[in-house]
Amino acid sequence: MKRGIYIAVSLLLAVMMGGCASKKMHLDVPLEWKPTDNASAINLAAASSQLYKIAVFTDARANQKEIAKNIEDKKVKIVTTRDNVADWCRDRFKVAMRQHGFKVVEDNASVIIKGEVLQFYVVEDSVYKANVRIKLTAENAEGKALWEGEMSGEASRFGHSYSMENYYEALSDAYLGAVDDFINNQVVKLEPKK
């Protein structure tokens, strides 16, 4: 009888531990670029005479490690990253500007752009909802302010619950939307008056 109880308790513990393993928390994950949308920005670069330097991005978010949470159940499950979100955003911004034909340089720039990450987050309930918001400032080579504003983007998608693939896709699409917002609506303000 005792042996039967021992086996039953052991099986119950194994099942419970197996269930916990399937709900592994996504902590200290790397950031990955996985957009599902293509950039839709208008290519203004052909007419651009500016040389752009993408300088330091900083992170103004209260919790700089946390990038997402799942609120489907009573127990909220968070997602954190080990990467520097501000550096990741800066690197992606440089790539996007180059892809749209803008001249991005490290030295002798006519426009220096700095960024401050205000929001970089996904909330998962019945869908994944991502929001990215970055304050940008632009200066000329002498340090005179040329422009200040925000680029922002949102993305929403369905997918399996608490899936890193879906978090990556939602954040990447929202970020791409933010860059498109800047290129389509703001970058023209940095071009010389004709």
N, C-alpha and C. Protein backbone atom coordinates (compact mmCIF):
# COMPACT_ATOMS: atom_id res chain seq x y z
N MET A 1 0.83 -1.19 0.00
CA MET A 1 0.00 0.00 0.00
C MET A 1 0.87 1.26 0.00
N LYS A 2 1.91 1.27 0.90
CA LYS A 2 2.80 2.42 0.96
C LYS A 2 3.52 2.62 -0.36
N ARG A 3 3.90 1.47 -0.98
CA ARG A 3 4.62 1.55 -2.26
C ARG A 3 3.72 2.16 -3.34
N GLY A 4 2.44 1.80 -3.34
CA GLY A 4 1.48 2.34 -4.31
C GLY A 4 1.29 3.84 -4.13
N ILE A 5 1.22 4.30 -2.87
CA ILE A 5 1.09 5.73 -2.59
C ILE A 5 2.35 6.46 -3.04
N TYR A 6 3.51 5.86 -2.77
CA TYR A 6 4.79 6.47 -3.17
C TYR A 6 4.85 6.64 -4.69
N ILE A 7 4.43 5.60 -5.44
CA ILE A 7 4.44 5.67 -6.91
C ILE A 7 3.47 6.74 -7.40
N ALA A 8 2.28 6.78 -6.80
CA ALA A 8 1.27 7.77 -7.21
C ALA A 8 1.76 9.20 -6.96
N VAL A 9 2.37 9.43 -5.79
CA VAL A 9 2.90 10.76 -5.46
C VAL A 9 4.04 11.11 -6.41
N SER A 10 4.91 10.15 -6.71
CA SER A 10 6.03 10.39 -7.63
C SER A 10 5.52 10.76 -9.02
N LEU A 11 4.51 10.03 -9.49
CA LEU A 11 3.93 10.34 -10.81
C LEU A 11 3.28 11.72 -10.83
N LEU A 12 2.58 12.05 -9.76
CA LEU A 12 1.93 13.36 -9.67
C LEU A 12 2.97 14.48 -9.70
N LEU A 13 4.07 14.32 -8.95
CA LEU A 13 5.14 15.31 -8.95
C LEU A 13 5.79 15.43 -10.33
N ALA A 14 5.99 14.32 -11.01
CA ALA A 14 6.60 14.34 -12.35
C ALA A 14 5.70 15.08 -13.33
N VAL A 15 4.40 14.84 -13.25
CA VAL A 15 3.45 15.54 -14.13
C VAL A 15 3.45 17.03 -13.84
N MET A 16 3.45 17.38 -12.54
CA MET A 16 3.45 18.80 -12.17
C MET A 16 4.73 19.48 -12.64
N MET A 17 5.86 18.83 -12.48
CA MET A 17 7.13 19.42 -12.91
C MET A 17 7.19 19.53 -14.43
N GLY A 18 6.63 18.56 -15.12
CA GLY A 18 6.58 18.62 -16.58
C GLY A 18 5.73 19.79 -17.05
N GLY A 19 4.61 20.03 -16.35
CA GLY A 19 3.76 21.18 -16.69
C GLY A 19 4.48 22.48 -16.45
N CYS A 20 5.27 22.58 -15.40
CA CYS A 20 6.03 23.80 -15.12
C CYS A 20 7.07 24.04 -16.18
N ALA A 21 7.69 22.96 -16.67
CA ALA A 21 8.74 23.10 -17.68
C ALA A 21 8.18 23.68 -18.96
N SER A 22 6.93 23.32 -19.29
CA SER A 22 6.35 23.83 -20.54
C SER A 22 6.01 25.31 -20.44
N LYS A 23 5.92 25.85 -19.23
CA LYS A 23 5.62 27.27 -19.03
C LYS A 23 6.88 28.04 -18.64
N LYS A 24 8.01 27.63 -19.17
CA LYS A 24 9.29 28.26 -18.86
C LYS A 24 9.22 29.77 -19.10
N MET A 25 9.71 30.52 -18.14
CA MET A 25 9.72 31.97 -18.26
C MET A 25 10.78 32.41 -19.25
N HIS A 26 10.47 33.46 -20.02
CA HIS A 26 11.42 34.02 -20.99
C HIS A 26 12.18 35.17 -20.33
N LEU A 27 13.26 34.81 -19.66
CA LEU A 27 14.05 35.80 -18.94
C LEU A 27 15.44 35.90 -19.56
N ASP A 28 15.93 37.14 -19.69
CA ASP A 28 17.27 37.40 -20.24
C ASP A 28 17.45 36.85 -21.65
N VAL A 29 16.42 36.99 -22.47
CA VAL A 29 16.51 36.53 -23.86
C VAL A 29 17.28 37.56 -24.69
N PRO A 30 17.90 37.14 -25.78
CA PRO A 30 18.52 38.12 -26.68
C PRO A 30 17.43 38.80 -27.50
N LEU A 31 17.70 40.00 -27.98
CA LEU A 31 16.77 40.66 -28.89
C LEU A 31 17.05 40.17 -30.30
N GLU A 32 16.01 39.87 -31.05
CA GLU A 32 16.17 39.40 -32.43
C GLU A 32 15.29 40.22 -33.35
N TRP A 33 15.80 40.47 -34.55
CA TRP A 33 15.08 41.23 -35.57
C TRP A 33 14.32 40.25 -36.44
N LYS A 34 12.98 40.26 -36.37
CA LYS A 34 12.15 39.33 -37.13
C LYS A 34 10.90 40.03 -37.66
N PRO A 35 11.07 41.03 -38.52
CA PRO A 35 9.87 41.71 -39.04
C PRO A 35 9.09 40.81 -40.00
N THR A 36 7.78 40.95 -39.96
CA THR A 36 6.92 40.24 -40.91
C THR A 36 6.47 41.18 -42.02
N ASP A 37 6.61 42.50 -41.79
CA ASP A 37 6.23 43.50 -42.78
C ASP A 37 7.49 44.02 -43.47
N ASN A 38 7.31 44.48 -44.69
CA ASN A 38 8.41 45.15 -45.37
C ASN A 38 8.30 46.64 -45.11
N ALA A 39 9.44 47.32 -45.15
CA ALA A 39 9.42 48.77 -44.96
C ALA A 39 8.59 49.40 -46.06
N SER A 40 7.76 50.36 -45.69
CA SER A 40 6.90 51.01 -46.68
C SER A 40 7.27 52.47 -46.87
N ALA A 41 8.41 52.86 -46.33
CA ALA A 41 8.77 54.28 -46.38
C ALA A 41 9.00 54.75 -47.81
N ILE A 42 8.65 55.99 -48.04
CA ILE A 42 8.93 56.64 -49.33
C ILE A 42 10.42 56.91 -49.38
N ASN A 43 11.03 56.67 -50.50
CA ASN A 43 12.47 56.90 -50.61
C ASN A 43 12.73 58.35 -50.97
N LEU A 44 13.08 59.14 -49.97
CA LEU A 44 13.41 60.54 -50.18
C LEU A 44 14.92 60.73 -50.34
N ALA A 45 15.67 59.63 -50.20
CA ALA A 45 17.12 59.74 -50.13
C ALA A 45 17.74 60.26 -51.42
N ALA A 46 17.11 60.01 -52.55
CA ALA A 46 17.69 60.44 -53.82
C ALA A 46 17.91 61.95 -53.84
N ALA A 47 17.03 62.67 -53.16
CA ALA A 47 17.13 64.13 -53.14
C ALA A 47 17.92 64.64 -51.94
N SER A 48 18.40 63.73 -51.08
CA SER A 48 19.07 64.14 -49.85
C SER A 48 20.53 64.48 -50.10
N SER A 49 20.91 65.65 -49.61
CA SER A 49 22.32 66.04 -49.69
C SER A 49 22.99 65.92 -48.31
N GLN A 50 22.23 65.49 -47.32
CA GLN A 50 22.74 65.42 -45.95
C GLN A 50 23.55 64.15 -45.71
N LEU A 51 24.51 64.27 -44.81
CA LEU A 51 25.24 63.12 -44.29
C LEU A 51 24.78 62.94 -42.84
N TYR A 52 24.21 61.79 -42.53
CA TYR A 52 23.61 61.55 -41.22
C TYR A 52 24.52 60.69 -40.34
N LYS A 53 24.70 61.14 -39.12
CA LYS A 53 25.34 60.31 -38.11
C LYS A 53 24.27 59.93 -37.10
N ILE A 54 24.16 58.63 -36.83
CA ILE A 54 23.21 58.17 -35.82
C ILE A 54 24.01 57.99 -34.54
N ALA A 55 23.86 58.93 -33.65
CA ALA A 55 24.66 58.98 -32.42
C ALA A 55 24.01 58.12 -31.33
N VAL A 56 24.32 58.41 -30.12
CA VAL A 56 23.89 57.60 -28.97
C VAL A 56 22.38 57.59 -28.83
N PHE A 57 21.83 56.41 -28.54
CA PHE A 57 20.45 56.26 -28.10
C PHE A 57 20.51 55.90 -26.61
N THR A 58 19.62 56.47 -25.81
CA THR A 58 19.52 56.13 -24.39
C THR A 58 18.17 55.49 -24.12
N ASP A 59 18.03 54.91 -22.95
CA ASP A 59 16.80 54.21 -22.59
C ASP A 59 16.18 54.91 -21.38
N ALA A 60 15.02 55.54 -21.58
CA ALA A 60 14.35 56.27 -20.50
C ALA A 60 13.27 55.44 -19.82
N ARG A 61 13.12 54.18 -20.19
CA ARG A 61 12.08 53.34 -19.59
C ARG A 61 12.43 53.00 -18.14
N ALA A 62 11.43 52.89 -17.30
CA ALA A 62 11.65 52.60 -15.88
C ALA A 62 12.32 51.24 -15.68
N ASN A 63 11.87 50.22 -16.39
CA ASN A 63 12.45 48.89 -16.28
C ASN A 63 13.10 48.55 -17.63
N GLN A 64 14.39 48.75 -17.73
CA GLN A 64 15.09 48.63 -19.01
C GLN A 64 15.28 47.19 -19.47
N LYS A 65 15.07 46.23 -18.61
CA LYS A 65 15.21 44.82 -18.98
C LYS A 65 13.89 44.23 -19.51
N GLU A 66 12.77 44.73 -19.02
CA GLU A 66 11.48 44.15 -19.36
C GLU A 66 11.00 44.65 -20.72
N ILE A 67 10.61 43.70 -21.60
CA ILE A 67 10.17 44.06 -22.95
C ILE A 67 8.77 43.56 -23.28
N ALA A 68 8.19 42.72 -22.41
CA ALA A 68 6.86 42.17 -22.72
C ALA A 68 6.26 41.51 -21.48
N LYS A 69 4.94 41.29 -21.57
CA LYS A 69 4.27 40.49 -20.54
C LYS A 69 3.04 39.83 -21.14
N ASN A 70 2.72 38.67 -20.58
CA ASN A 70 1.52 37.92 -20.94
C ASN A 70 0.55 38.06 -19.78
N ILE A 71 -0.66 38.56 -20.08
CA ILE A 71 -1.67 38.77 -19.03
C ILE A 71 -2.91 37.92 -19.26
N GLU A 72 -2.75 36.82 -20.01
CA GLU A 72 -3.90 35.95 -20.31
C GLU A 72 -4.43 35.25 -19.06
N ASP A 73 -3.53 34.86 -18.17
CA ASP A 73 -3.91 34.12 -16.97
C ASP A 73 -3.82 35.02 -15.75
N LYS A 74 -4.19 34.47 -14.61
CA LYS A 74 -4.10 35.24 -13.37
C LYS A 74 -2.65 35.58 -13.04
N LYS A 75 -1.75 34.66 -13.39
CA LYS A 75 -0.33 34.90 -13.12
C LYS A 75 0.30 35.57 -14.35
N VAL A 76 0.74 36.80 -14.18
CA VAL A 76 1.39 37.54 -15.26
C VAL A 76 2.77 36.95 -15.51
N LYS A 77 3.07 36.69 -16.78
CA LYS A 77 4.38 36.18 -17.17
C LYS A 77 5.11 37.27 -17.93
N ILE A 78 6.30 37.63 -17.47
CA ILE A 78 7.04 38.70 -18.12
C ILE A 78 8.10 38.14 -19.06
N VAL A 79 8.62 39.03 -19.91
CA VAL A 79 9.74 38.71 -20.79
C VAL A 79 10.79 39.78 -20.56
N THR A 80 12.01 39.35 -20.27
CA THR A 80 13.11 40.30 -20.10
C THR A 80 14.22 39.99 -21.10
N THR A 81 15.05 40.98 -21.36
CA THR A 81 16.18 40.79 -22.26
C THR A 81 17.49 41.08 -21.55
N ARG A 82 18.51 40.40 -22.00
CA ARG A 82 19.86 40.68 -21.47
C ARG A 82 20.55 41.74 -22.31
N ASP A 83 19.96 42.10 -23.47
CA ASP A 83 20.58 43.05 -24.38
C ASP A 83 20.23 44.49 -24.02
N ASN A 84 21.00 45.42 -24.53
CA ASN A 84 20.77 46.84 -24.34
C ASN A 84 19.77 47.31 -25.41
N VAL A 85 18.56 47.63 -24.99
CA VAL A 85 17.49 48.00 -25.93
C VAL A 85 17.86 49.26 -26.71
N ALA A 86 18.45 50.24 -26.05
CA ALA A 86 18.82 51.49 -26.73
C ALA A 86 19.84 51.22 -27.84
N ASP A 87 20.85 50.39 -27.57
CA ASP A 87 21.84 50.06 -28.60
C ASP A 87 21.20 49.31 -29.75
N TRP A 88 20.30 48.38 -29.44
CA TRP A 88 19.60 47.61 -30.47
C TRP A 88 18.78 48.55 -31.37
N CYS A 89 18.06 49.49 -30.75
CA CYS A 89 17.26 50.45 -31.52
C CYS A 89 18.14 51.33 -32.40
N ARG A 90 19.25 51.77 -31.88
CA ARG A 90 20.18 52.59 -32.66
C ARG A 90 20.70 51.81 -33.87
N ASP A 91 21.14 50.58 -33.64
CA ASP A 91 21.66 49.76 -34.73
C ASP A 91 20.61 49.52 -35.82
N ARG A 92 19.39 49.22 -35.40
CA ARG A 92 18.31 48.98 -36.38
C ARG A 92 17.98 50.27 -37.13
N PHE A 93 18.04 51.42 -36.45
CA PHE A 93 17.76 52.71 -37.09
C PHE A 93 18.80 53.00 -38.17
N LYS A 94 20.07 52.75 -37.86
CA LYS A 94 21.14 52.97 -38.85
C LYS A 94 20.91 52.09 -40.08
N VAL A 95 20.60 50.83 -39.87
CA VAL A 95 20.36 49.91 -40.99
C VAL A 95 19.19 50.39 -41.83
N ALA A 96 18.10 50.79 -41.17
CA ALA A 96 16.91 51.23 -41.90
C ALA A 96 17.19 52.48 -42.72
N MET A 97 17.92 53.43 -42.15
CA MET A 97 18.25 54.64 -42.90
C MET A 97 19.08 54.30 -44.14
N ARG A 98 20.04 53.42 -43.98
CA ARG A 98 20.86 53.01 -45.13
C ARG A 98 20.02 52.28 -46.18
N GLN A 99 19.11 51.42 -45.73
CA GLN A 99 18.27 50.68 -46.66
C GLN A 99 17.40 51.61 -47.50
N HIS A 100 17.08 52.76 -46.96
CA HIS A 100 16.28 53.74 -47.70
C HIS A 100 17.15 54.72 -48.48
N GLY A 101 18.44 54.44 -48.52
CA GLY A 101 19.33 55.21 -49.37
C GLY A 101 19.94 56.45 -48.75
N PHE A 102 19.70 56.68 -47.46
CA PHE A 102 20.30 57.84 -46.81
C PHE A 102 21.78 57.57 -46.55
N LYS A 103 22.58 58.61 -46.63
CA LYS A 103 24.02 58.49 -46.41
C LYS A 103 24.28 58.57 -44.91
N VAL A 104 24.60 57.41 -44.32
CA VAL A 104 24.87 57.33 -42.88
C VAL A 104 26.38 57.18 -42.71
N VAL A 105 26.96 58.11 -41.95
CA VAL A 105 28.42 58.16 -41.78
C VAL A 105 28.76 58.20 -40.29
N GLU A 106 30.03 58.00 -39.98
CA GLU A 106 30.51 58.11 -38.61
C GLU A 106 31.18 59.46 -38.37
N ASP A 107 31.76 60.05 -39.42
CA ASP A 107 32.48 61.32 -39.30
C ASP A 107 31.97 62.31 -40.34
N ASN A 108 32.20 63.60 -40.07
CA ASN A 108 31.87 64.68 -41.00
C ASN A 108 30.39 64.71 -41.39
N ALA A 109 29.53 64.43 -40.43
CA ALA A 109 28.09 64.44 -40.70
C ALA A 109 27.57 65.87 -40.70
N SER A 110 26.54 66.12 -41.51
CA SER A 110 25.88 67.42 -41.48
C SER A 110 24.69 67.40 -40.52
N VAL A 111 24.17 66.20 -40.21
CA VAL A 111 23.07 66.05 -39.25
C VAL A 111 23.41 64.91 -38.30
N ILE A 112 23.34 65.20 -37.02
CA ILE A 112 23.57 64.18 -35.98
C ILE A 112 22.24 63.91 -35.30
N ILE A 113 21.82 62.64 -35.32
CA ILE A 113 20.54 62.24 -34.71
C ILE A 113 20.81 61.43 -33.45
N LYS A 114 20.16 61.83 -32.35
CA LYS A 114 20.22 61.09 -31.09
C LYS A 114 18.82 60.60 -30.75
N GLY A 115 18.75 59.52 -30.00
CA GLY A 115 17.45 58.96 -29.66
C GLY A 115 17.31 58.64 -28.19
N GLU A 116 16.08 58.65 -27.73
CA GLU A 116 15.75 58.27 -26.35
C GLU A 116 14.55 57.32 -26.42
N VAL A 117 14.76 56.07 -26.01
CA VAL A 117 13.70 55.07 -26.05
C VAL A 117 12.70 55.36 -24.93
N LEU A 118 11.46 55.64 -25.32
CA LEU A 118 10.40 55.94 -24.34
C LEU A 118 9.51 54.72 -24.10
N GLN A 119 9.31 53.92 -25.15
CA GLN A 119 8.47 52.73 -25.03
C GLN A 119 8.98 51.68 -26.00
N PHE A 120 9.06 50.44 -25.53
CA PHE A 120 9.50 49.30 -26.33
C PHE A 120 8.93 48.09 -25.64
N TYR A 121 7.67 47.74 -25.98
CA TYR A 121 6.96 46.78 -25.14
C TYR A 121 5.85 46.07 -25.91
N VAL A 122 5.61 44.81 -25.49
CA VAL A 122 4.49 44.02 -26.01
C VAL A 122 3.63 43.59 -24.83
N VAL A 123 2.31 43.77 -24.96
CA VAL A 123 1.36 43.20 -24.00
C VAL A 123 0.59 42.12 -24.74
N GLU A 124 0.63 40.90 -24.20
CA GLU A 124 -0.09 39.78 -24.81
C GLU A 124 -1.29 39.44 -23.96
N ASP A 125 -2.48 39.57 -24.57
CA ASP A 125 -3.71 39.11 -23.96
C ASP A 125 -4.30 38.10 -24.92
N SER A 126 -5.31 38.45 -25.66
CA SER A 126 -5.78 37.53 -26.71
C SER A 126 -4.94 37.69 -27.98
N VAL A 127 -4.27 38.83 -28.11
CA VAL A 127 -3.33 39.08 -29.22
C VAL A 127 -2.07 39.74 -28.66
N TYR A 128 -1.04 39.76 -29.48
CA TYR A 128 0.20 40.45 -29.13
C TYR A 128 0.08 41.89 -29.60
N LYS A 129 0.21 42.86 -28.70
CA LYS A 129 0.14 44.27 -29.06
C LYS A 129 1.45 44.95 -28.67
N ALA A 130 2.19 45.40 -29.69
CA ALA A 130 3.50 46.02 -29.46
C ALA A 130 3.42 47.51 -29.70
N ASN A 131 4.16 48.27 -28.89
CA ASN A 131 4.28 49.71 -29.04
C ASN A 131 5.74 50.11 -28.90
N VAL A 132 6.20 50.92 -29.85
CA VAL A 132 7.55 51.46 -29.82
C VAL A 132 7.44 52.97 -29.97
N ARG A 133 8.12 53.70 -29.10
CA ARG A 133 8.12 55.17 -29.19
C ARG A 133 9.51 55.66 -28.82
N ILE A 134 10.10 56.46 -29.72
CA ILE A 134 11.46 56.96 -29.51
C ILE A 134 11.49 58.46 -29.80
N LYS A 135 11.99 59.21 -28.84
CA LYS A 135 12.18 60.65 -29.02
C LYS A 135 13.50 60.85 -29.77
N LEU A 136 13.46 61.60 -30.85
CA LEU A 136 14.65 61.88 -31.64
C LEU A 136 14.98 63.36 -31.58
N THR A 137 16.27 63.66 -31.53
CA THR A 137 16.73 65.04 -31.65
C THR A 137 17.78 65.08 -32.74
N ALA A 138 17.78 66.15 -33.51
CA ALA A 138 18.75 66.32 -34.59
C ALA A 138 19.48 67.63 -34.41
N GLU A 139 20.80 67.58 -34.61
CA GLU A 139 21.64 68.77 -34.51
C GLU A 139 22.50 68.86 -35.76
N ASN A 140 22.96 70.07 -36.05
CA ASN A 140 23.92 70.21 -37.14
C ASN A 140 25.32 69.95 -36.60
N ALA A 141 26.32 70.05 -37.46
CA ALA A 141 27.69 69.73 -37.07
C ALA A 141 28.20 70.64 -35.96
N GLU A 142 27.63 71.85 -35.84
CA GLU A 142 28.05 72.79 -34.79
C GLU A 142 27.29 72.58 -33.48
N GLY A 143 26.37 71.62 -33.45
CA GLY A 143 25.61 71.35 -32.23
C GLY A 143 24.33 72.15 -32.10
N LYS A 144 23.96 72.89 -33.14
CA LYS A 144 22.71 73.66 -33.11
C LYS A 144 21.53 72.73 -33.36
N ALA A 145 20.49 72.88 -32.51
CA ALA A 145 19.30 72.04 -32.65
C ALA A 145 18.59 72.33 -33.96
N LEU A 146 18.28 71.28 -34.71
CA LEU A 146 17.56 71.41 -35.97
C LEU A 146 16.11 70.96 -35.84
N TRP A 147 15.90 69.93 -35.03
CA TRP A 147 14.56 69.34 -34.95
C TRP A 147 14.49 68.43 -33.74
N GLU A 148 13.28 68.32 -33.18
CA GLU A 148 13.02 67.36 -32.10
C GLU A 148 11.62 66.82 -32.29
N GLY A 149 11.46 65.54 -32.15
CA GLY A 149 10.14 64.93 -32.31
C GLY A 149 10.20 63.46 -31.92
N GLU A 150 9.11 62.76 -32.20
CA GLU A 150 9.05 61.34 -31.86
C GLU A 150 8.73 60.52 -33.09
N MET A 151 9.26 59.30 -33.09
CA MET A 151 8.81 58.32 -34.06
C MET A 151 8.12 57.22 -33.27
N SER A 152 7.00 56.75 -33.78
CA SER A 152 6.26 55.73 -33.04
C SER A 152 5.64 54.74 -34.00
N GLY A 153 5.46 53.53 -33.50
CA GLY A 153 4.86 52.48 -34.30
C GLY A 153 4.15 51.48 -33.41
N GLU A 154 3.15 50.83 -33.99
CA GLU A 154 2.39 49.80 -33.28
C GLU A 154 2.28 48.58 -34.17
N ALA A 155 2.10 47.42 -33.56
CA ALA A 155 1.86 46.19 -34.30
C ALA A 155 0.99 45.28 -33.46
N SER A 156 0.15 44.51 -34.12
CA SER A 156 -0.73 43.58 -33.44
C SER A 156 -0.75 42.29 -34.24
N ARG A 157 -0.69 41.16 -33.54
CA ARG A 157 -0.69 39.89 -34.25
C ARG A 157 -1.23 38.78 -33.35
N PHE A 158 -1.75 37.73 -34.00
CA PHE A 158 -2.19 36.53 -33.30
C PHE A 158 -1.04 35.54 -33.27
N GLY A 159 -1.08 34.60 -32.35
CA GLY A 159 -0.05 33.56 -32.31
C GLY A 159 -0.19 32.71 -31.07
N HIS A 160 0.65 31.66 -31.00
CA HIS A 160 0.67 30.78 -29.83
C HIS A 160 1.01 31.59 -28.59
N SER A 161 0.46 31.16 -27.48
CA SER A 161 0.64 31.88 -26.23
C SER A 161 2.09 31.86 -25.75
N TYR A 162 2.54 33.02 -25.28
CA TYR A 162 3.85 33.21 -24.65
C TYR A 162 4.97 32.68 -25.55
N SER A 163 4.92 33.08 -26.82
CA SER A 163 5.89 32.62 -27.82
C SER A 163 6.91 33.71 -28.12
N MET A 164 8.20 33.39 -27.96
CA MET A 164 9.24 34.38 -28.26
C MET A 164 9.19 34.81 -29.72
N GLU A 165 8.91 33.90 -30.61
CA GLU A 165 8.81 34.23 -32.04
C GLU A 165 7.80 35.36 -32.25
N ASN A 166 6.65 35.26 -31.59
CA ASN A 166 5.61 36.28 -31.74
C ASN A 166 6.00 37.60 -31.07
N TYR A 167 6.69 37.54 -29.94
CA TYR A 167 7.17 38.78 -29.31
C TYR A 167 8.17 39.48 -30.24
N TYR A 168 9.11 38.70 -30.79
CA TYR A 168 10.10 39.28 -31.70
C TYR A 168 9.43 39.92 -32.92
N GLU A 169 8.48 39.21 -33.51
CA GLU A 169 7.81 39.73 -34.70
C GLU A 169 7.02 41.00 -34.39
N ALA A 170 6.31 41.01 -33.28
CA ALA A 170 5.51 42.18 -32.92
C ALA A 170 6.41 43.39 -32.65
N LEU A 171 7.50 43.20 -31.90
CA LEU A 171 8.41 44.31 -31.62
C LEU A 171 9.09 44.80 -32.89
N SER A 172 9.53 43.88 -33.75
CA SER A 172 10.20 44.27 -35.00
C SER A 172 9.25 45.03 -35.91
N ASP A 173 8.00 44.57 -36.03
CA ASP A 173 7.03 45.26 -36.88
C ASP A 173 6.69 46.65 -36.33
N ALA A 174 6.55 46.75 -35.01
CA ALA A 174 6.27 48.06 -34.41
C ALA A 174 7.45 49.00 -34.62
N TYR A 175 8.67 48.48 -34.48
CA TYR A 175 9.85 49.31 -34.69
C TYR A 175 9.95 49.77 -36.14
N LEU A 176 9.67 48.86 -37.05
CA LEU A 176 9.69 49.21 -38.47
C LEU A 176 8.65 50.29 -38.77
N GLY A 177 7.48 50.19 -38.14
CA GLY A 177 6.46 51.22 -38.29
C GLY A 177 6.93 52.57 -37.76
N ALA A 178 7.68 52.55 -36.66
CA ALA A 178 8.21 53.80 -36.10
C ALA A 178 9.21 54.44 -37.07
N VAL A 179 10.09 53.64 -37.64
CA VAL A 179 11.07 54.17 -38.60
C VAL A 179 10.37 54.71 -39.84
N ASP A 180 9.37 53.98 -40.32
CA ASP A 180 8.59 54.47 -41.47
C ASP A 180 7.93 55.80 -41.15
N ASP A 181 7.40 55.93 -39.94
CA ASP A 181 6.78 57.17 -39.50
C ASP A 181 7.79 58.32 -39.60
N PHE A 182 8.99 58.09 -39.11
CA PHE A 182 10.03 59.12 -39.16
C PHE A 182 10.40 59.47 -40.59
N ILE A 183 10.66 58.47 -41.41
CA ILE A 183 11.11 58.73 -42.78
C ILE A 183 10.01 59.38 -43.62
N ASN A 184 8.79 58.95 -43.45
CA ASN A 184 7.69 59.51 -44.24
C ASN A 184 7.23 60.89 -43.79
N ASN A 185 7.33 61.15 -42.49
CA ASN A 185 6.72 62.38 -41.95
C ASN A 185 7.68 63.39 -41.35
N GLN A 186 8.90 62.97 -41.00
CA GLN A 186 9.77 63.88 -40.25
C GLN A 186 11.08 64.21 -40.93
N VAL A 187 11.68 63.24 -41.64
CA VAL A 187 13.04 63.45 -42.16
C VAL A 187 13.11 64.63 -43.12
N VAL A 188 12.00 64.93 -43.79
CA VAL A 188 11.98 66.06 -44.72
C VAL A 188 12.30 67.37 -44.00
N LYS A 189 12.02 67.45 -42.70
CA LYS A 189 12.30 68.65 -41.92
C LYS A 189 13.80 68.87 -41.70
N LEU A 190 14.58 67.83 -41.97
CA LEU A 190 16.03 67.93 -41.78
C LEU A 190 16.76 68.28 -43.07
N GLU A 191 16.03 68.34 -44.17
CA GLU A 191 16.65 68.65 -45.45
C GLU A 191 16.80 70.17 -45.62
N PRO A 192 17.84 70.61 -46.28
CA PRO A 192 18.03 72.07 -46.47
C PRO A 192 16.88 72.69 -47.23
N LYS A 193 16.52 73.91 -46.87
CA LYS A 193 15.47 74.64 -47.59
C LYS A 193 15.99 75.00 -48.98
N LYS A 194 15.12 74.85 -49.98
CA LYS A 194 15.53 75.15 -51.35
C LYS A 194 14.94 76.47 -51.80
